Amino acid sequence: MHKIIESIQECTLKIDMSECNWGEGVALCGLNHSTKRFPNKEYMSFLSSWVKKGLEDEKFKFTVNNSIPFVGMGEVYKSTADKKYLDFMVKQAEYLICDAPRLKNGAIIHTAPYAKFGRQMWADTVF
């Protein structure tokens, strides 16, 4: 099992992670989960660089679809205790609680950084 997970981790670390959106966040979620049981020496270095570059390039957008990459930012915060990461995560949480567009029933409307999908709630938004 370890060899399979290690192979998946290595492949995931090689995919295009130039954005900070849903797909990248799902990949990071998988990496983060798998490294708890099967540590990967490259993961934290990769993750720290990815988060830093994403912040510098303003790739972290305040939309519900961009919430999942904050899993990675949370891991970097836990390992560095650098308050700038905590502050940015708090801003995202405040956006979700106070400003995210909602349906009449209160559910957050599915949005992506560069597109609007109308007044829809998607299952992946719930995730």
Protein backbone atom coordinates (compact mmCIF):
# COMPACT_ATOMS: atom_id res chain seq x y z
CA MET A 1 0.00 0.00 0.00
CA HIS A 2 2.82 2.39 0.87
CA LYS A 3 4.33 2.13 -2.64
CA ILE A 4 0.97 2.90 -4.27
CA ILE A 5 0.38 5.96 -2.09
CA GLU A 6 3.97 7.11 -2.63
CA SER A 7 3.48 6.83 -6.40
CA ILE A 8 0.23 8.81 -6.25
CA GLN A 9 1.92 11.49 -4.14
CA GLU A 10 4.80 11.77 -6.60
CA CYS A 11 2.44 12.05 -9.58
CA THR A 12 0.30 14.64 -7.79
CA LEU A 13 3.35 16.76 -6.99
CA LYS A 14 4.12 16.85 -10.73
CA ILE A 15 0.73 18.09 -11.98
CA ASP A 16 0.20 21.70 -13.04
CA MET A 17 -0.55 23.58 -9.84
CA SER A 18 -0.21 27.07 -11.31
CA GLU A 19 -3.62 28.15 -10.02
CA CYS A 20 -5.16 28.18 -6.54
CA ASN A 21 -8.63 26.90 -7.30
CA TRP A 22 -10.85 23.85 -6.89
CA GLY A 23 -8.73 21.26 -8.74
CA GLU A 24 -5.51 22.27 -7.04
CA GLY A 25 -7.29 22.29 -3.69
CA VAL A 26 -8.65 18.77 -4.19
CA ALA A 27 -5.15 17.57 -5.11
CA LEU A 28 -3.75 19.23 -1.97
CA CYS A 29 -6.50 17.70 0.14
CA GLY A 30 -5.49 14.25 -1.07
CA LEU A 31 -1.80 14.95 -0.53
CA ASN A 32 -2.44 16.38 2.89
CA HIS A 33 -4.52 13.38 3.93
CA SER A 34 -2.07 10.83 2.56
CA THR A 35 1.01 12.44 4.12
CA LYS A 36 -0.50 12.06 7.58
CA ARG A 37 -0.11 8.30 7.22
CA PHE A 38 2.67 8.12 4.64
CA PRO A 39 4.99 11.14 5.06
CA ASN A 40 6.50 12.67 1.93
CA LYS A 41 9.68 14.70 2.39
CA GLU A 42 8.89 16.94 -0.61
CA TYR A 43 5.34 17.85 0.40
CA MET A 44 5.90 20.69 2.88
CA SER A 45 8.55 22.34 0.74
CA PHE A 46 6.26 22.13 -2.29
CA LEU A 47 3.27 23.33 -0.30
CA SER A 48 5.11 26.28 1.27
CA SER A 49 6.37 27.42 -2.14
CA TRP A 50 2.92 26.97 -3.71
CA VAL A 51 1.13 28.98 -1.03
CA LYS A 52 3.77 31.73 -1.05
CA LYS A 53 3.64 32.07 -4.84
CA GLY A 54 -0.16 31.96 -4.84
CA LEU A 55 -0.29 34.83 -2.37
CA GLU A 56 2.36 36.85 -4.21
CA ASP A 57 0.56 36.39 -7.53
CA GLU A 58 -2.86 37.06 -5.93
CA LYS A 59 -4.15 33.66 -7.04
CA PHE A 60 -6.24 33.10 -3.91
CA LYS A 61 -9.61 34.60 -4.85
CA PHE A 62 -12.49 35.07 -2.46
CA THR A 63 -15.04 32.66 -3.86
CA VAL A 64 -16.56 29.53 -2.41
CA ASN A 65 -14.78 27.45 -5.05
CA ASN A 66 -11.45 28.74 -3.81
CA SER A 67 -12.02 27.59 -0.25
CA ILE A 68 -10.47 24.16 -0.62
CA PRO A 69 -6.91 25.39 -1.37
CA PHE A 70 -6.97 26.95 2.09
CA VAL A 71 -6.38 23.41 3.40
CA GLY A 72 -2.84 23.84 2.08
CA MET A 73 -2.50 27.30 3.57
CA GLY A 74 -3.65 25.90 6.91
CA GLU A 75 -0.89 23.30 6.82
CA VAL A 76 1.71 25.97 6.07
CA TYR A 77 0.36 28.07 8.94
CA LYS A 78 0.58 25.08 11.30
CA SER A 79 4.20 24.49 10.36
CA THR A 80 5.31 28.15 10.41
CA ALA A 81 2.91 29.98 12.77
CA ASP A 82 3.24 32.92 10.35
CA LYS A 83 0.28 35.17 11.15
CA LYS A 84 -0.09 36.36 7.54
CA TYR A 85 -1.49 32.93 6.65
CA LEU A 86 -3.92 32.94 9.54
CA ASP A 87 -5.06 36.47 8.66
CA PHE A 88 -5.70 35.48 5.05
CA MET A 89 -7.64 32.38 6.09
CA VAL A 90 -9.75 34.49 8.45
CA LYS A 91 -10.56 36.85 5.54
CA GLN A 92 -11.73 33.87 3.49
CA ALA A 93 -13.88 32.64 6.37
CA GLU A 94 -15.38 36.11 6.82
CA TYR A 95 -16.15 36.22 3.09
CA LEU A 96 -17.93 32.86 3.31
CA ILE A 97 -19.89 33.80 6.42
CA CYS A 98 -20.76 37.40 5.56
CA ASP A 99 -20.35 38.16 1.85
CA ALA A 100 -20.65 35.04 -0.29
CA PRO A 101 -23.71 35.20 -2.56
CA ARG A 102 -26.51 32.94 -1.34
CA LEU A 103 -29.71 31.33 -2.49
CA LYS A 104 -33.01 32.16 -0.79
CA ASN A 105 -32.55 29.14 1.50
CA GLY A 106 -29.16 30.47 2.67
CA ALA A 107 -26.99 28.03 0.70
CA ILE A 108 -23.88 29.56 -0.83
CA ILE A 109 -24.12 29.97 -4.58
CA HIS A 110 -21.54 28.09 -6.64
CA THR A 111 -18.99 30.49 -8.07
CA ALA A 112 -15.53 30.21 -9.52
CA PRO A 113 -12.89 32.93 -9.65
CA TYR A 114 -13.37 33.75 -13.30
CA ALA A 115 -16.94 32.69 -14.05
CA LYS A 116 -20.43 33.00 -12.68
CA PHE A 117 -22.77 30.03 -12.90
CA GLY A 118 -26.01 31.77 -12.09
CA ARG A 119 -27.98 30.98 -9.01
CA GLN A 120 -26.93 27.36 -8.49
CA MET A 121 -25.71 25.26 -5.60
CA TRP A 122 -23.38 22.44 -6.57
CA ALA A 123 -22.55 19.31 -4.61
CA ASP A 124 -18.84 20.14 -4.81
CA THR A 125 -19.61 23.53 -3.25
CA VAL A 126 -21.03 21.67 -0.27
CA PHE A 127 -17.82 19.61 -0.11
